[in-house]
Amino acid sequence: MNSIIAEIERAVAAAKAALDRAASPAEAEAVRIEYLSRNGLFPALSRRMGEVPPEERRATGTAFNTGRTEIEAALEAAKTRLTAATAAEEALDVTLSGRRGRIGHKHPISQMADECVRIFRRMGFTPMEGPEIEDVYHNFDALNTPADHPSRDPQDTFYFPDGRILRSQTSPVQIRVMETHQPPIRIVAPGRVFRRDTPDATHGMNFHQIEGLSIDKNVSMADLKSVLQNFAWEMFGEKVNIRLRPHFFPFTEPSVEYDFSCVVCGGKGCSVCKNSGYIEIAGAGMVDPAVLKNVGYDPEVWSGYAFGMGIERLAMLRYRIPDLRLLYENDLRFLEQF
């Protein structure tokens, strides 16, 4: 046996022993570097093959290839063993006690929107949604809004270069539902809307509305008043009354604004209600026949009412919030109160 074959046998035995002792992938890699890397033992032995007499080269080459193969196999076995051990250490121990995650809570606007939907659900309304980026037709034209109406002005509504807009009300949802559904219809549409308002204690450039629509035969203003009164009772208690005042909206006729008796002073008069005893909530009315025609309904057969209110305004009344901007400042000291 020549010296190279003897060195190969010693190297194979030493490498296997080291791999058996290896306790980490790094230790196994160190063995590979020592014996098989470019500067390792086996490449060095390969360069010494020229020293071997011709009659011994065949046996030496066979020993070289066999030794290298055995070390490579031992390396793979060590990697498999170490990988399995690492996976077992990192595996989830289902016998351990679980960690209780910290659960947050909904934003007060979301809480108020959910409460409104629950109340209207109990009265038979189904919640529906629509896109926040709208076209002019659904936001204005189909709702009987004249071309010269101030709400169409870019100073009041956000326009995109392609003519689309950020919806200024949730009423387009009513149009989209009527376009795709036949009466009777009874829906509410909560959602975010956008207007070019200067932010102050009671106004913002984006806020939330919830609108309702009911289309059926022989629907009257008395039905609308009943729904609004029941909503006021469920939201603020049975001592709250509503007041309807004549108004004008392009999409309803007749139109009204409705007020709640002040929930702060009980209708006696205070700074919140400006000593009137009532707080303005939003608008409502009977759906204009022109709107019914725009969606393909026969106004001689079908009638209905629509109403809408600001969710932030309801939240301010419900939680006695003095400034609308507090709802959007993300101050945890404020939000944690809800």
C-alpha atoms as a PDB file:
ATOM      1  CA  MET A   1       0.000   0.000   0.000  1.00  0.00           C
ATOM      2  CA  ASN A   2       1.447   3.377  -0.989  1.00  0.00           C
ATOM      3  CA  SER A   3       1.393   6.430   1.255  1.00  0.00           C
ATOM      4  CA  ILE A   4      -1.509   8.159  -0.602  1.00  0.00           C
ATOM      5  CA  ILE A   5      -3.865   5.204  -0.121  1.00  0.00           C
ATOM      6  CA  ALA A   6      -2.937   5.046   3.557  1.00  0.00           C
ATOM      7  CA  GLU A   7      -3.589   8.797   3.925  1.00  0.00           C
ATOM      8  CA  ILE A   8      -6.976   8.417   2.192  1.00  0.00           C
ATOM      9  CA  GLU A   9      -8.013   5.663   4.605  1.00  0.00           C
ATOM     10  CA  ARG A  10      -6.976   7.756   7.634  1.00  0.00           C
ATOM     11  CA  ALA A  11      -8.828  10.783   6.254  1.00  0.00           C
ATOM     12  CA  VAL A  12     -12.037   8.808   5.668  1.00  0.00           C
ATOM     13  CA  ALA A  13     -11.981   7.399   9.193  1.00  0.00           C
ATOM     14  CA  ALA A  14     -11.264  10.819  10.732  1.00  0.00           C
ATOM     15  CA  ALA A  15     -13.972  12.562   8.662  1.00  0.00           C
ATOM     16  CA  LYS A  16     -16.638   9.994   9.569  1.00  0.00           C
ATOM     17  CA  ALA A  17     -15.746  10.237  13.250  1.00  0.00           C
ATOM     18  CA  ALA A  18     -15.945  14.047  13.134  1.00  0.00           C
ATOM     19  CA  LEU A  19     -19.315  13.949  11.361  1.00  0.00           C
ATOM     20  CA  ASP A  20     -20.673  11.514  13.918  1.00  0.00           C
ATOM     21  CA  ARG A  21     -19.695  13.979  16.675  1.00  0.00           C
ATOM     22  CA  ALA A  22     -21.031  17.058  14.833  1.00  0.00           C
ATOM     23  CA  ALA A  23     -23.689  18.816  16.875  1.00  0.00           C
ATOM     24  CA  SER A  24     -24.592  21.549  14.409  1.00  0.00           C
ATOM     25  CA  PRO A  25     -24.698  22.204  10.653  1.00  0.00           C
ATOM     26  CA  ALA A  26     -21.694  24.512  11.111  1.00  0.00           C
ATOM     27  CA  GLU A  27     -19.558  21.688  12.480  1.00  0.00           C
ATOM     28  CA  ALA A  28     -20.535  19.438   9.562  1.00  0.00           C
ATOM     29  CA  GLU A  29     -19.639  22.224   7.133  1.00  0.00           C
ATOM     30  CA  ALA A  30     -16.223  22.552   8.776  1.00  0.00           C
ATOM     31  CA  VAL A  31     -15.557  18.863   7.989  1.00  0.00           C
ATOM     32  CA  ARG A  32     -16.531  19.387   4.347  1.00  0.00           C
ATOM     33  CA  ILE A  33     -14.181  22.356   4.082  1.00  0.00           C
ATOM     34  CA  GLU A  34     -11.289  20.410   5.652  1.00  0.00           C
ATOM     35  CA  TYR A  35     -11.527  17.436   3.322  1.00  0.00           C
ATOM     36  CA  LEU A  36     -13.448  18.323   0.147  1.00  0.00           C
ATOM     37  CA  SER A  37     -13.176  22.067  -0.491  1.00  0.00           C
ATOM     38  CA  ARG A  38     -10.792  23.539  -3.058  1.00  0.00           C
ATOM     39  CA  ASN A  39      -8.031  23.819  -0.469  1.00  0.00           C
ATOM     40  CA  GLY A  40      -8.979  20.636   1.370  1.00  0.00           C
ATOM     41  CA  LEU A  41      -7.165  17.313   1.711  1.00  0.00           C
ATOM     42  CA  PHE A  42      -8.651  15.405  -1.238  1.00  0.00           C
ATOM     43  CA  PRO A  43      -7.877  18.059  -3.890  1.00  0.00           C
ATOM     44  CA  ALA A  44      -4.325  18.148  -2.485  1.00  0.00           C
ATOM     45  CA  LEU A  45      -4.054  14.356  -2.796  1.00  0.00           C
ATOM     46  CA  SER A  46      -5.354  14.566  -6.347  1.00  0.00           C
ATOM     47  CA  ARG A  47      -2.451  16.831  -7.256  1.00  0.00           C
ATOM     48  CA  ARG A  48      -0.001  14.224  -5.886  1.00  0.00           C
ATOM     49  CA  MET A  49      -1.207  11.434  -8.193  1.00  0.00           C
ATOM     50  CA  GLY A  50       1.785  12.038 -10.427  1.00  0.00           C
ATOM     51  CA  GLU A  51       4.046  10.682  -7.680  1.00  0.00           C
ATOM     52  CA  VAL A  52       2.347   7.266  -7.796  1.00  0.00           C
ATOM     53  CA  PRO A  53       4.143   4.534  -9.822  1.00  0.00           C
ATOM     54  CA  PRO A  54       2.229   3.549 -12.980  1.00  0.00           C
ATOM     55  CA  GLU A  55       1.419   0.081 -11.727  1.00  0.00           C
ATOM     56  CA  GLU A  56      -0.267   1.532  -8.567  1.00  0.00           C
ATOM     57  CA  ARG A  57      -2.248   4.358 -10.146  1.00  0.00           C
ATOM     58  CA  ARG A  58      -5.344   2.262 -10.802  1.00  0.00           C
ATOM     59  CA  ALA A  59      -5.627   1.113  -7.182  1.00  0.00           C
ATOM     60  CA  THR A  60      -4.824   4.614  -5.896  1.00  0.00           C
ATOM     61  CA  GLY A  61      -7.492   6.207  -8.119  1.00  0.00           C
ATOM     62  CA  THR A  62     -10.067   3.675  -6.970  1.00  0.00           C
ATOM     63  CA  ALA A  63      -9.213   4.346  -3.319  1.00  0.00           C
ATOM     64  CA  PHE A  64      -9.379   8.112  -3.934  1.00  0.00           C
ATOM     65  CA  ASN A  65     -12.854   7.975  -5.534  1.00  0.00           C
ATOM     66  CA  THR A  66     -14.192   5.525  -2.967  1.00  0.00           C
ATOM     67  CA  GLY A  67     -12.910   7.619  -0.048  1.00  0.00           C
ATOM     68  CA  ARG A  68     -14.369  10.849  -1.460  1.00  0.00           C
ATOM     69  CA  THR A  69     -17.756   9.143  -2.036  1.00  0.00           C
ATOM     70  CA  GLU A  70     -17.823   7.782   1.525  1.00  0.00           C
ATOM     71  CA  ILE A  71     -17.132  11.247   2.998  1.00  0.00           C
ATOM     72  CA  GLU A  72     -19.844  12.821   0.810  1.00  0.00           C
ATOM     73  CA  ALA A  73     -22.342  10.159   1.943  1.00  0.00           C
ATOM     74  CA  ALA A  74     -21.389  10.718   5.581  1.00  0.00           C
ATOM     75  CA  LEU A  75     -21.873  14.475   5.076  1.00  0.00           C
ATOM     76  CA  GLU A  76     -25.396  13.975   3.690  1.00  0.00           C
ATOM     77  CA  ALA A  77     -26.275  11.664   6.579  1.00  0.00           C
ATOM     78  CA  ALA A  78     -25.006  14.222   9.090  1.00  0.00           C
ATOM     79  CA  LYS A  79     -26.960  17.051   7.438  1.00  0.00           C
ATOM     80  CA  THR A  80     -30.142  14.975   7.501  1.00  0.00           C
ATOM     81  CA  ARG A  81     -29.631  14.109  11.152  1.00  0.00           C
ATOM     82  CA  LEU A  82     -28.893  17.700  12.171  1.00  0.00           C
ATOM     83  CA  THR A  83     -31.776  19.149  10.159  1.00  0.00           C
ATOM     84  CA  ALA A  84     -34.231  16.726  11.760  1.00  0.00           C
ATOM     85  CA  ALA A  85     -32.892  17.582  15.215  1.00  0.00           C
ATOM     86  CA  THR A  86     -33.196  21.324  14.559  1.00  0.00           C
ATOM     87  CA  ALA A  87     -36.759  20.920  13.274  1.00  0.00           C
ATOM     88  CA  ALA A  88     -37.685  18.903  16.351  1.00  0.00           C
ATOM     89  CA  GLU A  89     -36.275  21.610  18.622  1.00  0.00           C
ATOM     90  CA  GLU A  90     -38.168  24.335  16.771  1.00  0.00           C
ATOM     91  CA  ALA A  91     -41.426  22.393  16.490  1.00  0.00           C
ATOM     92  CA  LEU A  92     -44.497  23.728  18.264  1.00  0.00           C
ATOM     93  CA  ASP A  93     -44.996  22.132  21.626  1.00  0.00           C
ATOM     94  CA  VAL A  94     -48.766  21.779  21.820  1.00  0.00           C
ATOM     95  CA  THR A  95     -48.532  20.866  25.499  1.00  0.00           C
ATOM     96  CA  LEU A  96     -47.422  24.397  26.409  1.00  0.00           C
ATOM     97  CA  SER A  97     -49.941  26.938  27.629  1.00  0.00           C
ATOM     98  CA  GLY A  98     -51.158  29.244  24.896  1.00  0.00           C
ATOM     99  CA  ARG A  99     -50.251  32.907  24.764  1.00  0.00           C
ATOM    100  CA  ARG A 100     -53.246  35.184  25.027  1.00  0.00           C
ATOM    101  CA  GLY A 101     -52.947  37.797  22.305  1.00  0.00           C
ATOM    102  CA  ARG A 102     -53.780  41.398  22.970  1.00  0.00           C
ATOM    103  CA  ILE A 103     -57.110  42.072  21.282  1.00  0.00           C
ATOM    104  CA  GLY A 104     -57.903  45.598  20.206  1.00  0.00           C
ATOM    105  CA  HIS A 105     -61.334  47.080  19.641  1.00  0.00           C
ATOM    106  CA  LYS A 106     -63.187  48.813  16.866  1.00  0.00           C
ATOM    107  CA  HIS A 107     -62.880  52.511  16.171  1.00  0.00           C
ATOM    108  CA  PRO A 108     -65.837  54.518  17.543  1.00  0.00           C
ATOM    109  CA  ILE A 109     -66.970  55.323  13.985  1.00  0.00           C
ATOM    110  CA  SER A 110     -67.041  51.608  13.145  1.00  0.00           C
ATOM    111  CA  GLN A 111     -68.881  50.902  16.387  1.00  0.00           C
ATOM    112  CA  MET A 112     -71.499  53.517  15.531  1.00  0.00           C
ATOM    113  CA  ALA A 113     -71.872  52.263  11.945  1.00  0.00           C
ATOM    114  CA  ASP A 114     -72.368  48.694  13.196  1.00  0.00           C
ATOM    115  CA  GLU A 115     -74.939  49.854  15.734  1.00  0.00           C
ATOM    116  CA  CYS A 116     -76.893  51.744  13.037  1.00  0.00           C
ATOM    117  CA  VAL A 117     -76.892  48.685  10.776  1.00  0.00           C
ATOM    118  CA  ARG A 118     -78.095  46.456  13.635  1.00  0.00           C
ATOM    119  CA  ILE A 119     -80.980  48.816  14.371  1.00  0.00           C
ATOM    120  CA  PHE A 120     -82.078  49.013  10.741  1.00  0.00           C
ATOM    121  CA  ARG A 121     -81.684  45.263  10.287  1.00  0.00           C
ATOM    122  CA  ARG A 122     -84.232  44.769  13.022  1.00  0.00           C
ATOM    123  CA  MET A 123     -86.595  46.951  10.982  1.00  0.00           C
ATOM    124  CA  GLY A 124     -86.136  44.810   7.873  1.00  0.00           C
ATOM    125  CA  PHE A 125     -83.379  46.713   6.043  1.00  0.00           C
ATOM    126  CA  THR A 126     -80.530  44.900   4.284  1.00  0.00           C
ATOM    127  CA  PRO A 127     -77.057  46.554   4.274  1.00  0.00           C
ATOM    128  CA  MET A 128     -75.521  47.169   0.847  1.00  0.00           C
ATOM    129  CA  GLU A 129     -72.235  48.690  -0.312  1.00  0.00           C
ATOM    130  CA  GLY A 130     -70.954  50.509  -3.380  1.00  0.00           C
ATOM    131  CA  PRO A 131     -67.709  51.953  -4.805  1.00  0.00           C
ATOM    132  CA  GLU A 132     -66.135  55.037  -3.249  1.00  0.00           C
ATOM    133  CA  ILE A 133     -64.874  56.136  -6.682  1.00  0.00           C
ATOM    134  CA  GLU A 134     -68.009  56.925  -8.652  1.00  0.00           C
ATOM    135  CA  ASP A 135     -69.091  58.302 -12.002  1.00  0.00           C
ATOM    136  CA  VAL A 136     -71.017  61.531 -12.375  1.00  0.00           C
ATOM    137  CA  TYR A 137     -74.129  59.722 -13.584  1.00  0.00           C
ATOM    138  CA  HIS A 138     -74.661  57.654 -10.443  1.00  0.00           C
ATOM    139  CA  ASN A 139     -73.596  60.427  -8.065  1.00  0.00           C
ATOM    140  CA  PHE A 140     -75.571  63.264  -9.678  1.00  0.00           C
ATOM    141  CA  ASP A 141     -77.474  62.627 -12.923  1.00  0.00           C
ATOM    142  CA  ALA A 142     -79.478  59.578 -11.852  1.00  0.00           C
ATOM    143  CA  LEU A 143     -80.343  61.354  -8.596  1.00  0.00           C
ATOM    144  CA  ASN A 144     -82.028  64.194 -10.483  1.00  0.00           C
ATOM    145  CA  THR A 145     -79.319  66.724  -9.583  1.00  0.00           C
ATOM    146  CA  PRO A 146     -79.406  69.694 -12.019  1.00  0.00           C
ATOM    147  CA  ALA A 147     -76.322  70.448 -14.091  1.00  0.00           C
ATOM    148  CA  ASP A 148     -75.907  73.823 -12.364  1.00  0.00           C
ATOM    149  CA  HIS A 149     -76.332  72.478  -8.835  1.00  0.00           C
ATOM    150  CA  PRO A 150     -73.586  73.804  -6.480  1.00  0.00           C
ATOM    151  CA  SER A 151     -72.707  70.284  -5.299  1.00  0.00           C
ATOM    152  CA  ARG A 152     -71.341  69.496  -8.786  1.00  0.00           C
ATOM    153  CA  ASP A 153     -68.791  72.306  -8.575  1.00  0.00           C
ATOM    154  CA  PRO A 154     -65.115  71.232  -8.238  1.00  0.00           C
ATOM    155  CA  GLN A 155     -64.999  73.445  -5.157  1.00  0.00           C
ATOM    156  CA  ASP A 156     -67.414  71.022  -3.477  1.00  0.00           C
ATOM    157  CA  THR A 157     -66.594  67.636  -5.071  1.00  0.00           C
ATOM    158  CA  PHE A 158     -63.291  65.834  -5.725  1.00  0.00           C
ATOM    159  CA  TYR A 159     -62.860  65.131  -9.449  1.00  0.00           C
ATOM    160  CA  PHE A 160     -60.315  62.852 -11.117  1.00  0.00           C
ATOM    161  CA  PRO A 161     -58.742  63.859 -14.460  1.00  0.00           C
ATOM    162  CA  ASP A 162     -60.809  61.190 -16.245  1.00  0.00           C
ATOM    163  CA  GLY A 163     -64.074  62.710 -14.992  1.00  0.00           C
ATOM    164  CA  ARG A 164     -64.755  60.238 -12.214  1.00  0.00           C
ATOM    165  CA  ILE A 165     -65.245  61.514  -8.677  1.00  0.00           C
ATOM    166  CA  LEU A 166     -64.924  60.567  -5.049  1.00  0.00           C
ATOM    167  CA  ARG A 167     -68.556  60.041  -4.134  1.00  0.00           C
ATOM    168  CA  SER A 168     -70.015  62.943  -2.213  1.00  0.00           C
ATOM    169  CA  GLN A 169     -72.822  60.834  -0.710  1.00  0.00           C
ATOM    170  CA  THR A 170     -73.823  57.188  -0.339  1.00  0.00           C
ATOM    171  CA  SER A 171     -76.945  57.762  -2.472  1.00  0.00           C
ATOM    172  CA  PRO A 172     -75.270  56.238  -5.580  1.00  0.00           C
ATOM    173  CA  VAL A 173     -75.594  52.883  -3.798  1.00  0.00           C
ATOM    174  CA  GLN A 174     -79.367  53.318  -3.940  1.00  0.00           C
ATOM    175  CA  ILE A 175     -79.221  53.869  -7.697  1.00  0.00           C
ATOM    176  CA  ARG A 176     -77.000  50.850  -8.284  1.00  0.00           C
ATOM    177  CA  VAL A 177     -79.271  48.626  -6.208  1.00  0.00           C
ATOM    178  CA  MET A 178     -82.415  49.808  -8.023  1.00  0.00           C
ATOM    179  CA  GLU A 179     -80.715  49.253 -11.383  1.00  0.00           C
ATOM    180  CA  THR A 180     -80.069  45.600 -10.546  1.00  0.00           C
ATOM    181  CA  HIS A 181     -83.054  44.694  -8.333  1.00  0.00           C
ATOM    182  CA  GLN A 182     -86.786  44.801  -8.775  1.00  0.00           C
ATOM    183  CA  PRO A 183     -89.054  46.170  -5.999  1.00  0.00           C
ATOM    184  CA  PRO A 184     -89.818  45.771  -3.219  1.00  0.00           C
ATOM    185  CA  ILE A 185     -86.469  47.054  -1.895  1.00  0.00           C
ATOM    186  CA  ARG A 186     -85.492  47.902   1.665  1.00  0.00           C
ATOM    187  CA  ILE A 187     -81.783  48.681   2.123  1.00  0.00           C
ATOM    188  CA  VAL A 188     -79.327  50.760   4.121  1.00  0.00           C
ATOM    189  CA  ALA A 189     -75.959  51.836   2.719  1.00  0.00           C
ATOM    190  CA  PRO A 190     -73.221  52.775   5.208  1.00  0.00           C
ATOM    191  CA  GLY A 191     -69.948  54.099   3.835  1.00  0.00           C
ATOM    192  CA  ARG A 192     -67.301  56.787   3.511  1.00  0.00           C
ATOM    193  CA  VAL A 193     -67.954  59.932   1.473  1.00  0.00           C
ATOM    194  CA  PHE A 194     -65.799  62.885   0.448  1.00  0.00           C
ATOM    195  CA  ARG A 195     -66.429  66.625   0.124  1.00  0.00           C
ATOM    196  CA  ARG A 196     -64.240  69.690  -0.193  1.00  0.00           C
ATOM    197  CA  ASP A 197     -64.988  71.097   3.248  1.00  0.00           C
ATOM    198  CA  THR A 198     -62.618  72.999   5.501  1.00  0.00           C
ATOM    199  CA  PRO A 199     -62.013  70.751   8.520  1.00  0.00           C
ATOM    200  CA  ASP A 200     -63.353  72.154  11.768  1.00  0.00           C
ATOM    201  CA  ALA A 201     -65.136  70.891  14.878  1.00  0.00           C
ATOM    202  CA  THR A 202     -68.158  69.667  12.878  1.00  0.00           C
ATOM    203  CA  HIS A 203     -66.889  69.236   9.293  1.00  0.00           C
ATOM    204  CA  GLY A 204     -64.289  67.160   7.479  1.00  0.00           C
ATOM    205  CA  MET A 205     -63.164  66.347   3.944  1.00  0.00           C
ATOM    206  CA  ASN A 206     -64.034  62.696   4.453  1.00  0.00           C
ATOM    207  CA  PHE A 207     -66.730  61.357   6.732  1.00  0.00           C
ATOM    208  CA  HIS A 208     -69.285  58.551   6.913  1.00  0.00           C
ATOM    209  CA  GLN A 209     -72.962  58.347   6.088  1.00  0.00           C
ATOM    210  CA  ILE A 210     -75.659  55.742   6.342  1.00  0.00           C
ATOM    211  CA  GLU A 211     -78.574  56.045   3.939  1.00  0.00           C
ATOM    212  CA  GLY A 212     -81.775  54.113   3.752  1.00  0.00           C
ATOM    213  CA  LEU A 213     -84.128  53.353   0.874  1.00  0.00           C
ATOM    214  CA  SER A 214     -87.504  51.653   0.813  1.00  0.00           C
ATOM    215  CA  ILE A 215     -89.402  51.055  -2.444  1.00  0.00           C
ATOM    216  CA  ASP A 216     -92.779  49.335  -2.451  1.00  0.00           C
ATOM    217  CA  LYS A 217     -96.413  49.940  -3.258  1.00  0.00           C
ATOM    218  CA  ASN A 218     -98.332  52.549  -1.262  1.00  0.00           C
ATOM    219  CA  VAL A 219     -95.331  53.796   0.713  1.00  0.00           C
ATOM    220  CA  SER A 220     -96.046  57.084   2.484  1.00  0.00           C
ATOM    221  CA  MET A 221     -94.365  59.821   4.521  1.00  0.00           C
ATOM    222  CA  ALA A 222     -95.948  58.245   7.609  1.00  0.00           C
ATOM    223  CA  ASP A 223     -93.847  55.107   7.002  1.00  0.00           C
ATOM    224  CA  LEU A 224     -90.711  57.256   6.804  1.00  0.00           C
ATOM    225  CA  LYS A 225     -91.521  59.103  10.020  1.00  0.00           C
ATOM    226  CA  SER A 226     -92.181  55.817  11.821  1.00  0.00           C
ATOM    227  CA  VAL A 227     -88.784  54.416  10.801  1.00  0.00           C
ATOM    228  CA  LEU A 228     -86.933  57.575  11.837  1.00  0.00           C
ATOM    229  CA  GLN A 229     -88.731  57.743  15.189  1.00  0.00           C
ATOM    230  CA  ASN A 230     -87.972  54.078  15.945  1.00  0.00           C
ATOM    231  CA  PHE A 231     -84.337  54.641  15.040  1.00  0.00           C
ATOM    232  CA  ALA A 232     -84.124  57.626  17.396  1.00  0.00           C
ATOM    233  CA  TRP A 233     -85.655  55.602  20.234  1.00  0.00           C
ATOM    234  CA  GLU A 234     -83.306  52.657  19.756  1.00  0.00           C
ATOM    235  CA  MET A 235     -80.218  54.855  19.407  1.00  0.00           C
ATOM    236  CA  PHE A 236     -80.837  57.383  22.186  1.00  0.00           C
ATOM    237  CA  GLY A 237     -83.727  56.080  24.246  1.00  0.00           C
ATOM    238  CA  GLU A 238     -87.498  56.440  24.325  1.00  0.00           C
ATOM    239  CA  LYS A 239     -87.417  60.020  25.597  1.00  0.00           C
ATOM    240  CA  VAL A 240     -86.024  61.262  22.275  1.00  0.00           C
ATOM    241  CA  ASN A 241     -88.433  62.677  19.708  1.00  0.00           C
ATOM    242  CA  ILE A 242     -87.915  63.743  16.119  1.00  0.00           C
ATOM    243  CA  ARG A 243     -88.998  66.819  14.226  1.00  0.00           C
ATOM    244  CA  LEU A 244     -89.467  67.029  10.445  1.00  0.00           C
ATOM    245  CA  ARG A 245     -88.957  70.394   8.726  1.00  0.00           C
ATOM    246  CA  PRO A 246     -89.700  71.173   5.051  1.00  0.00           C
ATOM    247  CA  HIS A 247     -86.587  71.331   2.901  1.00  0.00           C
ATOM    248  CA  PHE A 248     -85.413  70.709  -0.679  1.00  0.00           C
ATOM    249  CA  PHE A 249     -83.291  67.882  -2.094  1.00  0.00           C
ATOM    250  CA  PRO A 250     -83.110  67.128  -5.848  1.00  0.00           C
ATOM    251  CA  PHE A 251     -83.791  63.407  -5.370  1.00  0.00           C
ATOM    252  CA  THR A 252     -86.766  63.561  -2.973  1.00  0.00           C
ATOM    253  CA  GLU A 253     -90.166  65.250  -3.201  1.00  0.00           C
ATOM    254  CA  PRO A 254     -91.435  66.239  -0.739  1.00  0.00           C
ATOM    255  CA  SER A 255     -88.186  66.638   1.206  1.00  0.00           C
ATOM    256  CA  VAL A 256     -87.584  67.198   4.889  1.00  0.00           C
ATOM    257  CA  GLU A 257     -84.766  67.705   7.320  1.00  0.00           C
ATOM    258  CA  TYR A 258     -85.179  65.802  10.526  1.00  0.00           C
ATOM    259  CA  ASP A 259     -83.945  66.687  13.987  1.00  0.00           C
ATOM    260  CA  PHE A 260     -83.622  64.765  17.222  1.00  0.00           C
ATOM    261  CA  SER A 261     -84.633  66.370  20.461  1.00  0.00           C
ATOM    262  CA  CYS A 262     -81.390  67.304  22.202  1.00  0.00           C
ATOM    263  CA  VAL A 263     -79.977  64.297  24.029  1.00  0.00           C
ATOM    264  CA  VAL A 264     -77.836  66.580  26.210  1.00  0.00           C
ATOM    265  CA  CYS A 265     -80.512  68.805  27.727  1.00  0.00           C
ATOM    266  CA  GLY A 266     -83.565  66.654  27.021  1.00  0.00           C
ATOM    267  CA  GLY A 267     -85.098  69.294  24.767  1.00  0.00           C
ATOM    268  CA  LYS A 268     -84.950  72.110  27.330  1.00  0.00           C
ATOM    269  CA  GLY A 269     -82.329  74.126  25.435  1.00  0.00           C
ATOM    270  CA  CYS A 270     -78.559  74.280  25.878  1.00  0.00           C
ATOM    271  CA  SER A 271     -75.383  75.367  24.083  1.00  0.00           C
ATOM    272  CA  VAL A 272     -75.201  72.106  22.155  1.00  0.00           C
ATOM    273  CA  CYS A 273     -78.609  72.598  20.532  1.00  0.00           C
ATOM    274  CA  LYS A 274     -78.235  76.393  20.510  1.00  0.00           C
ATOM    275  CA  ASN A 275     -81.166  76.638  22.926  1.00  0.00           C
ATOM    276  CA  SER A 276     -83.558  75.244  20.302  1.00  0.00           C
ATOM    277  CA  GLY A 277     -84.149  71.932  22.038  1.00  0.00           C
ATOM    278  CA  TYR A 278     -83.408  70.038  18.812  1.00  0.00           C
ATOM    279  CA  ILE A 279     -80.270  68.913  16.951  1.00  0.00           C
ATOM    280  CA  GLU A 280     -80.227  68.605  13.153  1.00  0.00           C
ATOM    281  CA  ILE A 281     -79.382  65.067  12.043  1.00  0.00           C
ATOM    282  CA  ALA A 282     -79.839  64.813   8.268  1.00  0.00           C
ATOM    283  CA  GLY A 283     -82.282  64.824   5.369  1.00  0.00           C
ATOM    284  CA  ALA A 284     -85.035  62.571   4.058  1.00  0.00           C
ATOM    285  CA  GLY A 285     -88.103  62.512   1.861  1.00  0.00           C
ATOM    286  CA  MET A 286     -90.173  60.610  -0.649  1.00  0.00           C
ATOM    287  CA  VAL A 287     -88.164  59.397  -3.658  1.00  0.00           C
ATOM    288  CA  ASP A 288     -88.712  61.777  -6.570  1.00  0.00           C
ATOM    289  CA  PRO A 289     -90.628  60.137  -9.479  1.00  0.00           C
ATOM    290  CA  ALA A 290     -87.836  61.292 -11.823  1.00  0.00           C
ATOM    291  CA  VAL A 291     -85.365  59.124  -9.906  1.00  0.00           C
ATOM    292  CA  LEU A 292     -87.702  56.135 -10.190  1.00  0.00           C
ATOM    293  CA  LYS A 293     -87.938  56.679 -13.947  1.00  0.00           C
ATOM    294  CA  ASN A 294     -84.126  56.874 -14.234  1.00  0.00           C
ATOM    295  CA  VAL A 295     -83.819  53.313 -12.896  1.00  0.00           C
ATOM    296  CA  GLY A 296     -86.739  51.946 -14.903  1.00  0.00           C
ATOM    297  CA  TYR A 297     -89.407  51.891 -12.178  1.00  0.00           C
ATOM    298  CA  ASP A 298     -92.954  52.982 -12.937  1.00  0.00           C
ATOM    299  CA  PRO A 299     -93.752  55.826 -10.472  1.00  0.00           C
ATOM    300  CA  GLU A 300     -97.451  55.135 -10.971  1.00  0.00           C
ATOM    301  CA  VAL A 301     -96.930  51.698  -9.395  1.00  0.00           C
ATOM    302  CA  TRP A 302     -94.005  52.138  -7.032  1.00  0.00           C
ATOM    303  CA  SER A 303     -93.216  54.748  -4.415  1.00  0.00           C
ATOM    304  CA  GLY A 304     -90.671  54.986  -1.669  1.00  0.00           C
ATOM    305  CA  TYR A 305     -88.707  57.051   0.800  1.00  0.00           C
ATOM    306  CA  ALA A 306     -85.019  57.713   1.382  1.00  0.00           C
ATOM    307  CA  PHE A 307     -83.111  59.092   4.338  1.00  0.00           C
ATOM    308  CA  GLY A 308     -79.519  59.700   5.277  1.00  0.00           C
ATOM    309  CA  MET A 309     -77.501  60.750   8.283  1.00  0.00           C
ATOM    310  CA  GLY A 310     -73.893  61.341   9.258  1.00  0.00           C
ATOM    311  CA  ILE A 311     -72.325  58.614  11.376  1.00  0.00           C
ATOM    312  CA  GLU A 312     -69.794  61.014  12.909  1.00  0.00           C
ATOM    313  CA  ARG A 313     -72.618  63.321  14.011  1.00  0.00           C
ATOM    314  CA  LEU A 314     -74.365  60.388  15.686  1.00  0.00           C
ATOM    315  CA  ALA A 315     -71.118  59.356  17.385  1.00  0.00           C
ATOM    316  CA  MET A 316     -70.573  62.897  18.645  1.00  0.00           C
ATOM    317  CA  LEU A 317     -74.054  62.908  20.186  1.00  0.00           C
ATOM    318  CA  ARG A 318     -73.862  59.357  21.534  1.00  0.00           C
ATOM    319  CA  TYR A 319     -70.438  59.761  23.148  1.00  0.00           C
ATOM    320  CA  ARG A 320     -70.566  63.550  23.844  1.00  0.00           C
ATOM    321  CA  ILE A 321     -67.569  64.238  21.575  1.00  0.00           C
ATOM    322  CA  PRO A 322     -67.033  68.013  21.248  1.00  0.00           C
ATOM    323  CA  ASP A 323     -64.802  68.017  18.144  1.00  0.00           C
ATOM    324  CA  LEU A 324     -65.107  65.825  15.029  1.00  0.00           C
ATOM    325  CA  ARG A 325     -61.343  65.931  14.480  1.00  0.00           C
ATOM    326  CA  LEU A 326     -60.743  63.889  17.622  1.00  0.00           C
ATOM    327  CA  LEU A 327     -62.094  60.862  15.741  1.00  0.00           C
ATOM    328  CA  TYR A 328     -59.295  61.071  13.155  1.00  0.00           C
ATOM    329  CA  GLU A 329     -56.228  62.025  15.164  1.00  0.00           C
ATOM    330  CA  ASN A 330     -55.508  58.413  16.240  1.00  0.00           C
ATOM    331  CA  ASP A 331     -54.763  59.498  19.791  1.00  0.00           C
ATOM    332  CA  LEU A 332     -54.871  56.282  21.815  1.00  0.00           C
ATOM    333  CA  ARG A 333     -55.729  58.209  24.971  1.00  0.00           C
ATOM    334  CA  PHE A 334     -58.959  59.216  23.239  1.00  0.00           C
ATOM    335  CA  LEU A 335     -59.705  55.975  21.399  1.00  0.00           C
ATOM    336  CA  GLU A 336     -59.176  53.751  24.445  1.00  0.00           C
ATOM    337  CA  GLN A 337     -62.248  55.328  26.051  1.00  0.00           C
ATOM    338  CA  PHE A 338     -64.521  53.465  23.641  1.00  0.00           C
END
